[in-house]
Amino acid sequence: MIHSKTFLISAIAASLMIIADVVAWFLLYLQGIDVDTSIFYKWLGVNRGMNAGVYFFIALPLLTAFAYSWSVSYDRNSGYISQIITRTSRKKYFTAKFLVTFISGGIIFAGALILDYVLLAIFSPAYTPIPGDLASSMDPFHFCSEIFYQNPYLFMLIWFGIAFLWGGAMSCISMAAGMLIKKYVISSIVPFLVFTAEQILALYVMQRYTITVKGTSIGLVWTDMLYAAPMTTSLPEHILLCIALIIMISTLIYILRGRKYECL
């Protein structure tokens, strides 16, 4: 994975989008705009930004999948899996492939957020966010809002973990698709198609019905859950449930197809 060209391409593409978003903030800084705005308000972990950050979250399913999840379909289609299975057990192969693929997606997403913070920290103050200052959309109906205002650095660490899980979940979708689709290029696009279809379906459902958790109306769009404070409500249990659902369904398909797959 580390030496994979596609992993490097995904990392570079994600980095360029992050840099473009930070440059937009820096240009505003040079003009004397938002000079005193805390870095925790600008960080992409909290909101999707106003420039390239928007495109980063749109392209994220492609970036995480393209990193390494294509290798499952490629190994099957090229026959390389036969060379591996003759040297080790099928269980070890599929388990190792699952773990590496999951980690690759997690690194792309979490790594991009780390880079975003490091670059913003060059010129942005890091004062603790102030509740009720109207500078952030973070409120009691968003992910760990109390921790965000009490200990923003702890909040960052927690969200890095959530981002890692999201990246891994996206890779799992492509990996499961790779067990069903021979063309590895197509399997890399599947997560983007799934997220797009889910967004359309979720918006339709939200227009017709009101879904509540603990008496609070929540948003259903996965793309809005990739950052902590979208316009809709995003509760921790709901975000974790969606991630777990994606991972479990993808893993189930991966396991069932792997057990039935005859490569020799």
Protein backbone atom coordinates (compact mmCIF):
# COMPACT_ATOMS: atom_id res chain seq x y z
CA MET A 1 0.00 0.00 0.00
CA ILE A 2 2.74 2.45 0.96
CA HIS A 3 4.55 1.92 -2.33
CA SER A 4 1.35 1.96 -4.41
CA LYS A 5 1.23 4.71 -7.03
CA THR A 6 -2.53 5.05 -6.61
CA PHE A 7 -2.14 5.65 -2.88
CA LEU A 8 0.38 8.38 -3.64
CA ILE A 9 -1.91 9.91 -6.27
CA SER A 10 -4.86 9.93 -3.84
CA ALA A 11 -2.73 11.52 -1.13
CA ILE A 12 -1.43 14.20 -3.50
CA ALA A 13 -4.92 14.96 -4.87
CA ALA A 14 -6.34 15.28 -1.36
CA SER A 15 -3.41 17.47 -0.31
CA LEU A 16 -3.85 19.80 -3.28
CA MET A 17 -7.51 20.33 -2.41
CA ILE A 18 -6.58 21.05 1.20
CA ILE A 19 -3.85 23.48 0.14
CA ALA A 20 -6.26 25.26 -2.21
CA ASP A 21 -8.77 25.70 0.62
CA VAL A 22 -6.08 27.02 3.00
CA VAL A 23 -4.78 29.42 0.33
CA ALA A 24 -8.28 30.90 0.04
CA TRP A 25 -8.29 31.54 3.80
CA PHE A 26 -4.79 33.03 3.59
CA LEU A 27 -5.81 35.47 0.85
CA LEU A 28 -8.61 36.68 3.10
CA TYR A 29 -6.07 36.97 5.91
CA LEU A 30 -3.85 39.21 3.75
CA GLN A 31 -6.86 41.43 3.10
CA GLY A 32 -7.49 41.77 6.83
CA ILE A 33 -10.61 39.56 6.73
CA ASP A 34 -11.17 36.93 9.44
CA VAL A 35 -7.73 37.70 10.89
CA ASP A 36 -8.86 36.94 14.44
CA THR A 37 -11.08 33.97 13.55
CA SER A 38 -10.07 30.87 15.48
CA ILE A 39 -8.54 28.00 13.56
CA PHE A 40 -11.19 25.71 15.02
CA TYR A 41 -13.85 27.61 13.06
CA LYS A 42 -11.94 27.31 9.77
CA TRP A 43 -10.87 23.69 10.14
CA LEU A 44 -12.50 21.26 7.70
CA GLY A 45 -13.18 18.82 10.48
CA VAL A 46 -15.90 21.19 11.72
CA ASN A 47 -17.34 22.53 8.46
CA ARG A 48 -16.90 21.87 4.76
CA GLY A 49 -15.27 25.21 4.05
CA MET A 50 -16.25 27.70 1.41
CA ASN A 51 -13.79 26.93 -1.37
CA ALA A 52 -11.94 23.76 -2.35
CA GLY A 53 -13.07 22.12 0.86
CA VAL A 54 -16.50 21.65 -0.71
CA TYR A 55 -14.99 19.69 -3.59
CA PHE A 56 -12.79 17.73 -1.21
CA PHE A 57 -15.80 16.21 0.52
CA ILE A 58 -17.49 15.50 -2.81
CA ALA A 59 -14.40 13.70 -4.13
CA LEU A 60 -13.58 11.96 -0.85
CA PRO A 61 -15.31 8.63 -1.69
CA LEU A 62 -13.23 8.48 -4.88
CA LEU A 63 -9.97 9.45 -3.16
CA THR A 64 -10.28 6.89 -0.36
CA ALA A 65 -11.33 4.08 -2.71
CA PHE A 66 -8.70 4.80 -5.34
CA ALA A 67 -5.94 4.64 -2.71
CA TYR A 68 -5.82 0.84 -2.52
CA SER A 69 -9.25 -0.83 -2.45
CA TRP A 70 -9.02 -1.52 -6.19
CA SER A 71 -6.37 -4.18 -5.46
CA VAL A 72 -9.00 -6.73 -4.43
CA SER A 73 -10.61 -6.70 -7.86
CA TYR A 74 -7.23 -6.43 -9.59
CA ASP A 75 -5.82 -9.50 -7.84
CA ARG A 76 -8.84 -11.54 -8.88
CA ASN A 77 -8.92 -10.34 -12.46
CA SER A 78 -5.17 -10.69 -13.05
CA GLY A 79 -4.87 -14.08 -11.38
CA TYR A 80 -2.32 -12.76 -8.88
CA ILE A 81 -4.49 -14.07 -6.05
CA SER A 82 -3.66 -17.61 -7.17
CA GLN A 83 0.03 -16.96 -6.56
CA ILE A 84 -0.69 -15.74 -3.03
CA ILE A 85 -3.14 -18.45 -2.00
CA THR A 86 -0.62 -21.17 -2.87
CA ARG A 87 1.77 -19.66 -0.30
CA THR A 88 -0.64 -18.82 2.51
CA SER A 89 -4.18 -19.54 3.60
CA ARG A 90 -7.14 -17.88 1.93
CA LYS A 91 -8.29 -16.57 5.32
CA LYS A 92 -4.98 -14.80 5.95
CA TYR A 93 -4.99 -13.27 2.48
CA PHE A 94 -8.51 -11.84 2.68
CA THR A 95 -8.02 -10.67 6.26
CA ALA A 96 -4.77 -8.86 5.44
CA LYS A 97 -6.30 -7.33 2.31
CA PHE A 98 -9.29 -6.09 4.34
CA LEU A 99 -7.14 -4.47 7.04
CA VAL A 100 -4.75 -2.77 4.62
CA THR A 101 -7.59 -1.48 2.46
CA PHE A 102 -9.44 -0.09 5.48
CA ILE A 103 -6.29 1.60 6.77
CA SER A 104 -5.52 3.15 3.38
CA GLY A 105 -8.88 4.92 3.23
CA GLY A 106 -8.58 6.06 6.83
CA ILE A 107 -5.13 7.54 6.25
CA ILE A 108 -6.32 9.56 3.23
CA PHE A 109 -9.20 11.22 5.10
CA ALA A 110 -7.61 11.66 8.53
CA GLY A 111 -4.28 12.68 7.00
CA ALA A 112 -5.97 15.40 4.94
CA LEU A 113 -7.58 16.87 8.07
CA ILE A 114 -4.25 16.85 9.88
CA LEU A 115 -2.61 18.67 6.97
CA ASP A 116 -5.45 21.20 6.93
CA TYR A 117 -4.93 22.03 10.60
CA VAL A 118 -1.13 22.28 10.28
CA LEU A 119 -1.37 24.72 7.37
CA LEU A 120 -4.11 26.83 8.96
CA ALA A 121 -2.07 27.04 12.17
CA ILE A 122 0.60 29.02 10.29
CA PHE A 123 -1.52 32.18 10.29
CA SER A 124 -4.68 31.47 12.32
CA PRO A 125 -5.01 31.99 16.09
CA ALA A 126 -5.89 28.90 18.13
CA TYR A 127 -8.02 30.40 20.86
CA THR A 128 -10.72 28.26 22.45
CA PRO A 129 -14.10 28.63 20.68
CA ILE A 130 -16.64 30.75 22.54
CA PRO A 131 -20.24 29.46 22.78
CA GLY A 132 -22.83 31.84 21.41
CA ASP A 133 -20.42 34.07 19.46
CA LEU A 134 -22.23 33.20 16.20
CA ALA A 135 -18.91 32.37 14.52
CA SER A 136 -19.61 28.65 14.30
CA SER A 137 -22.60 26.46 13.52
CA MET A 138 -21.57 24.08 16.30
CA ASP A 139 -24.46 23.77 18.76
CA PRO A 140 -25.89 21.14 21.18
CA PHE A 141 -27.31 19.24 18.21
CA HIS A 142 -23.93 18.50 16.65
CA PHE A 143 -21.15 16.02 17.29
CA CYS A 144 -19.56 16.41 20.75
CA SER A 145 -20.31 20.16 20.88
CA GLU A 146 -19.56 20.36 24.62
CA ILE A 147 -16.06 18.97 24.10
CA PHE A 148 -15.57 21.34 21.15
CA TYR A 149 -16.02 24.38 23.41
CA GLN A 150 -14.35 22.92 26.51
CA ASN A 151 -11.34 21.16 25.00
CA PRO A 152 -11.03 21.71 21.22
CA TYR A 153 -7.82 19.69 20.98
CA LEU A 154 -9.52 16.65 22.46
CA PHE A 155 -12.37 17.23 20.02
CA MET A 156 -9.86 17.21 17.16
CA LEU A 157 -8.39 13.89 18.28
CA ILE A 158 -11.86 12.38 18.49
CA TRP A 159 -12.79 13.64 15.05
CA PHE A 160 -9.55 12.34 13.58
CA GLY A 161 -10.74 8.93 14.72
CA ILE A 162 -14.18 9.46 13.17
CA ALA A 163 -12.56 10.59 9.92
CA PHE A 164 -10.37 7.48 9.91
CA LEU A 165 -13.47 5.31 10.30
CA TRP A 166 -15.28 7.17 7.52
CA GLY A 167 -12.33 6.72 5.17
CA GLY A 168 -12.12 3.04 6.02
CA ALA A 169 -15.86 2.61 5.51
CA MET A 170 -15.66 4.15 2.02
CA SER A 171 -12.82 1.79 1.14
CA CYS A 172 -14.89 -1.13 2.41
CA ILE A 173 -17.62 -0.29 -0.10
CA SER A 174 -15.14 -0.42 -2.97
CA MET A 175 -13.54 -3.57 -1.58
CA ALA A 176 -16.91 -5.35 -1.40
CA ALA A 177 -17.69 -4.19 -4.94
CA GLY A 178 -14.33 -5.57 -6.03
CA MET A 179 -15.45 -9.03 -4.96
CA LEU A 180 -18.38 -8.78 -7.37
CA ILE A 181 -17.02 -6.65 -10.22
CA LYS A 182 -14.13 -7.73 -12.43
CA LYS A 183 -13.17 -4.23 -13.57
CA TYR A 184 -11.16 -2.69 -10.74
CA VAL A 185 -11.61 0.81 -12.16
CA ILE A 186 -15.37 0.47 -11.81
CA SER A 187 -15.10 -0.87 -8.26
CA SER A 188 -13.20 2.29 -7.30
CA ILE A 189 -16.10 4.44 -8.49
CA VAL A 190 -18.76 2.49 -6.58
CA PRO A 191 -18.34 4.41 -3.24
CA PHE A 192 -18.94 7.71 -5.05
CA LEU A 193 -22.04 6.29 -6.72
CA VAL A 194 -23.30 4.89 -3.41
CA PHE A 195 -22.83 8.21 -1.59
CA THR A 196 -24.50 10.10 -4.44
CA ALA A 197 -27.47 7.73 -4.51
CA GLU A 198 -27.74 7.88 -0.72
CA GLN A 199 -27.80 11.67 -0.81
CA ILE A 200 -30.62 11.71 -3.35
CA LEU A 201 -32.63 9.13 -1.40
CA ALA A 202 -31.96 10.80 1.96
CA LEU A 203 -33.08 14.22 0.70
CA TYR A 204 -36.27 12.67 -0.67
CA VAL A 205 -37.00 10.93 2.64
CA MET A 206 -36.25 14.09 4.65
CA GLN A 207 -38.71 16.06 2.53
CA ARG A 208 -41.50 13.59 3.18
CA TYR A 209 -40.76 12.37 6.71
CA THR A 210 -39.18 13.65 9.91
CA ILE A 211 -36.68 11.23 11.47
CA THR A 212 -35.94 11.87 15.15
CA VAL A 213 -33.42 10.52 17.67
CA LYS A 214 -34.17 11.29 21.31
CA GLY A 215 -36.76 13.79 20.16
CA THR A 216 -34.34 15.58 17.84
CA SER A 217 -34.79 15.73 14.07
CA ILE A 218 -31.63 14.50 12.35
CA GLY A 219 -30.10 14.71 8.90
CA LEU A 220 -29.72 11.54 6.87
CA VAL A 221 -27.18 12.57 4.23
CA TRP A 222 -23.86 10.77 4.70
CA THR A 223 -21.91 13.52 2.96
CA ASP A 224 -23.05 15.99 5.64
CA MET A 225 -21.72 13.65 8.33
CA LEU A 226 -18.16 13.90 7.01
CA TYR A 227 -17.72 17.10 9.04
CA ALA A 228 -18.92 17.78 12.56
CA ALA A 229 -21.20 20.81 12.17
CA PRO A 230 -23.34 20.64 9.01
CA MET A 231 -26.55 22.60 8.60
CA THR A 232 -28.49 19.53 9.76
CA THR A 233 -28.31 17.82 13.14
CA SER A 234 -25.54 15.21 13.51
CA LEU A 235 -25.48 13.26 16.76
CA PRO A 236 -22.56 10.97 17.71
CA GLU A 237 -24.68 7.84 17.97
CA HIS A 238 -26.21 8.47 14.55
CA ILE A 239 -22.84 9.05 12.86
CA LEU A 240 -21.33 5.94 14.44
CA LEU A 241 -24.40 3.91 13.50
CA CYS A 242 -24.10 4.93 9.85
CA ILE A 243 -20.39 4.10 9.77
CA ALA A 244 -21.01 0.74 11.45
CA LEU A 245 -23.81 -0.05 9.00
CA ILE A 246 -21.59 0.63 5.99
CA ILE A 247 -18.73 -1.43 7.40
CA MET A 248 -20.92 -4.36 8.43
CA ILE A 249 -22.77 -4.65 5.11
CA SER A 250 -19.55 -4.29 3.10
CA THR A 251 -17.73 -6.78 5.30
CA LEU A 252 -20.58 -9.28 5.06
CA ILE A 253 -20.48 -9.15 1.26
CA TYR A 254 -16.69 -9.43 1.36
CA ILE A 255 -16.75 -12.46 3.68
CA LEU A 256 -19.52 -14.34 1.89
CA ARG A 257 -17.93 -13.78 -1.50
CA GLY A 258 -14.49 -14.63 -0.16
CA ARG A 259 -15.65 -17.93 1.32
CA LYS A 260 -17.27 -18.98 -1.95
CA TYR A 261 -14.52 -17.73 -4.20
CA GLU A 262 -12.51 -20.45 -5.90
CA CYS A 263 -9.28 -19.04 -7.25
CA LEU A 264 -7.43 -22.27 -8.05
